[in-house]
Amino acid sequence: MFGEIIRKLRIARNLNQVQLASELDVSKQTISNWENNNILPSIEMLIKISHFFSVKTDYLLGLDNRNYIEVTGLTDTELAHVQQIICDIARQPE
């Protein structure tokens, strides 16, 4: 499960395995091993990955499928705009 989640997050950011490895200061082989569910990251690395992708560790582990967007620092007006965009996207037919 972790492998599928990290692959989806990486692809959504338009990163290849080498680029993600560089961002997290690990090898491309490590990213490949995670994505193929051969190994799991350490707790410290799991936290680093969660910060990089702005997701909760529970999401990475498949324990919580809710998505969050970090909005700390936005004004009330900016928050209203973000909420409107989310609502507009959610209403679009697939």
C-alpha atoms as a PDB file:
ATOM      1  CA  MET A   1       0.000   0.000   0.000  1.00  0.00           C
ATOM      2  CA  PHE A   2       2.774   2.467   0.897  1.00  0.00           C
ATOM      3  CA  GLY A   3       4.416   1.908  -2.474  1.00  0.00           C
ATOM      4  CA  GLU A   4       1.276   2.760  -4.412  1.00  0.00           C
ATOM      5  CA  ILE A   5       0.680   5.879  -2.328  1.00  0.00           C
ATOM      6  CA  ILE A   6       4.199   7.237  -2.706  1.00  0.00           C
ATOM      7  CA  ARG A   7       4.164   6.504  -6.452  1.00  0.00           C
ATOM      8  CA  LYS A   8       0.890   8.411  -6.876  1.00  0.00           C
ATOM      9  CA  LEU A   9       2.202  11.359  -4.865  1.00  0.00           C
ATOM     10  CA  ARG A  10       5.446  11.408  -6.857  1.00  0.00           C
ATOM     11  CA  ILE A  11       3.670  11.289 -10.207  1.00  0.00           C
ATOM     12  CA  ALA A  12       1.172  13.962  -9.124  1.00  0.00           C
ATOM     13  CA  ARG A  13       4.158  16.241  -8.494  1.00  0.00           C
ATOM     14  CA  ASN A  14       5.614  15.372 -11.911  1.00  0.00           C
ATOM     15  CA  LEU A  15       8.742  13.941 -10.316  1.00  0.00           C
ATOM     16  CA  ASN A  16      10.696  10.931 -11.503  1.00  0.00           C
ATOM     17  CA  GLN A  17      12.336   8.595  -9.008  1.00  0.00           C
ATOM     18  CA  VAL A  18      15.721  10.296  -9.360  1.00  0.00           C
ATOM     19  CA  GLN A  19      14.241  13.720  -8.626  1.00  0.00           C
ATOM     20  CA  LEU A  20      12.352  12.479  -5.567  1.00  0.00           C
ATOM     21  CA  ALA A  21      15.454  10.676  -4.346  1.00  0.00           C
ATOM     22  CA  SER A  22      17.406  13.925  -4.627  1.00  0.00           C
ATOM     23  CA  GLU A  23      14.733  15.846  -2.701  1.00  0.00           C
ATOM     24  CA  LEU A  24      14.742  13.277   0.118  1.00  0.00           C
ATOM     25  CA  ASP A  25      18.520  12.685   0.039  1.00  0.00           C
ATOM     26  CA  VAL A  26      18.209   8.956  -0.688  1.00  0.00           C
ATOM     27  CA  SER A  27      19.131   6.809  -3.679  1.00  0.00           C
ATOM     28  CA  LYS A  28      16.906   6.165  -6.681  1.00  0.00           C
ATOM     29  CA  GLN A  29      17.040   2.481  -5.684  1.00  0.00           C
ATOM     30  CA  THR A  30      15.515   3.376  -2.305  1.00  0.00           C
ATOM     31  CA  ILE A  31      12.583   5.095  -4.025  1.00  0.00           C
ATOM     32  CA  SER A  32      12.168   2.084  -6.303  1.00  0.00           C
ATOM     33  CA  ASN A  33      12.215  -0.274  -3.310  1.00  0.00           C
ATOM     34  CA  TRP A  34       9.576   1.791  -1.523  1.00  0.00           C
ATOM     35  CA  GLU A  35       7.342   1.908  -4.588  1.00  0.00           C
ATOM     36  CA  ASN A  36       7.668  -1.852  -5.095  1.00  0.00           C
ATOM     37  CA  ASN A  37       6.929  -2.489  -1.398  1.00  0.00           C
ATOM     38  CA  ASN A  38      10.303  -4.184  -0.916  1.00  0.00           C
ATOM     39  CA  ILE A  39      11.186  -1.999   2.065  1.00  0.00           C
ATOM     40  CA  LEU A  40       9.560   0.680   4.195  1.00  0.00           C
ATOM     41  CA  PRO A  41      11.227   3.945   5.228  1.00  0.00           C
ATOM     42  CA  SER A  42      12.424   4.597   8.747  1.00  0.00           C
ATOM     43  CA  ILE A  43      10.169   6.603  11.033  1.00  0.00           C
ATOM     44  CA  GLU A  44      12.390   9.639  10.556  1.00  0.00           C
ATOM     45  CA  MET A  45      12.196   9.295   6.764  1.00  0.00           C
ATOM     46  CA  LEU A  46       8.429   8.741   6.910  1.00  0.00           C
ATOM     47  CA  ILE A  47       8.133  12.102   8.669  1.00  0.00           C
ATOM     48  CA  LYS A  48      10.412  13.731   6.064  1.00  0.00           C
ATOM     49  CA  ILE A  49       8.270  12.282   3.242  1.00  0.00           C
ATOM     50  CA  SER A  50       5.068  13.491   4.904  1.00  0.00           C
ATOM     51  CA  HIS A  51       6.482  17.014   5.166  1.00  0.00           C
ATOM     52  CA  PHE A  52       7.705  16.975   1.568  1.00  0.00           C
ATOM     53  CA  PHE A  53       4.321  15.923   0.184  1.00  0.00           C
ATOM     54  CA  SER A  54       2.310  17.850   2.825  1.00  0.00           C
ATOM     55  CA  VAL A  55       0.389  14.753   3.884  1.00  0.00           C
ATOM     56  CA  LYS A  56      -0.055  13.032   7.213  1.00  0.00           C
ATOM     57  CA  THR A  57       1.969   9.932   8.026  1.00  0.00           C
ATOM     58  CA  ASP A  58      -1.307   8.037   8.505  1.00  0.00           C
ATOM     59  CA  TYR A  59      -2.128   8.829   4.863  1.00  0.00           C
ATOM     60  CA  LEU A  60       1.239   7.470   3.706  1.00  0.00           C
ATOM     61  CA  LEU A  61       0.642   4.287   5.671  1.00  0.00           C
ATOM     62  CA  GLY A  62      -2.855   3.833   4.277  1.00  0.00           C
ATOM     63  CA  LEU A  63      -4.502   4.366   7.670  1.00  0.00           C
ATOM     64  CA  ASP A  64      -6.370   7.533   6.692  1.00  0.00           C
ATOM     65  CA  ASN A  65      -7.448   8.323   3.146  1.00  0.00           C
ATOM     66  CA  ARG A  66      -8.481  11.913   3.792  1.00  0.00           C
ATOM     67  CA  ASN A  67      -6.533  14.576   1.922  1.00  0.00           C
ATOM     68  CA  TYR A  68      -5.519  17.879   3.449  1.00  0.00           C
ATOM     69  CA  ILE A  69      -4.243  21.154   2.110  1.00  0.00           C
ATOM     70  CA  GLU A  70      -1.977  23.306   4.261  1.00  0.00           C
ATOM     71  CA  VAL A  71      -3.518  26.777   4.408  1.00  0.00           C
ATOM     72  CA  THR A  72      -1.668  28.239   7.361  1.00  0.00           C
ATOM     73  CA  GLY A  73      -0.807  31.875   6.719  1.00  0.00           C
ATOM     74  CA  LEU A  74      -3.551  32.572   4.198  1.00  0.00           C
ATOM     75  CA  THR A  75      -5.935  35.440   4.818  1.00  0.00           C
ATOM     76  CA  ASP A  76      -9.672  34.853   5.218  1.00  0.00           C
ATOM     77  CA  THR A  77     -10.184  36.130   1.683  1.00  0.00           C
ATOM     78  CA  GLU A  78      -7.540  33.782   0.294  1.00  0.00           C
ATOM     79  CA  LEU A  79      -9.092  30.869   2.203  1.00  0.00           C
ATOM     80  CA  ALA A  80     -12.483  31.704   0.704  1.00  0.00           C
ATOM     81  CA  HIS A  81     -10.949  31.653  -2.789  1.00  0.00           C
ATOM     82  CA  VAL A  82      -9.293  28.284  -2.165  1.00  0.00           C
ATOM     83  CA  GLN A  83     -12.560  26.857  -0.842  1.00  0.00           C
ATOM     84  CA  GLN A  84     -14.422  28.118  -3.902  1.00  0.00           C
ATOM     85  CA  ILE A  85     -11.884  26.544  -6.242  1.00  0.00           C
ATOM     86  CA  ILE A  86     -12.219  23.224  -4.414  1.00  0.00           C
ATOM     87  CA  CYS A  87     -15.998  23.386  -4.643  1.00  0.00           C
ATOM     88  CA  ASP A  88     -15.860  24.229  -8.359  1.00  0.00           C
ATOM     89  CA  ILE A  89     -13.503  21.317  -9.061  1.00  0.00           C
ATOM     90  CA  ALA A  90     -15.625  18.901  -7.024  1.00  0.00           C
ATOM     91  CA  ARG A  91     -18.707  19.843  -9.079  1.00  0.00           C
ATOM     92  CA  GLN A  92     -17.044  19.207 -12.457  1.00  0.00           C
ATOM     93  CA  PRO A  93     -18.162  16.051 -14.245  1.00  0.00           C
ATOM     94  CA  GLU A  94     -15.492  13.389 -14.543  1.00  0.00           C
END
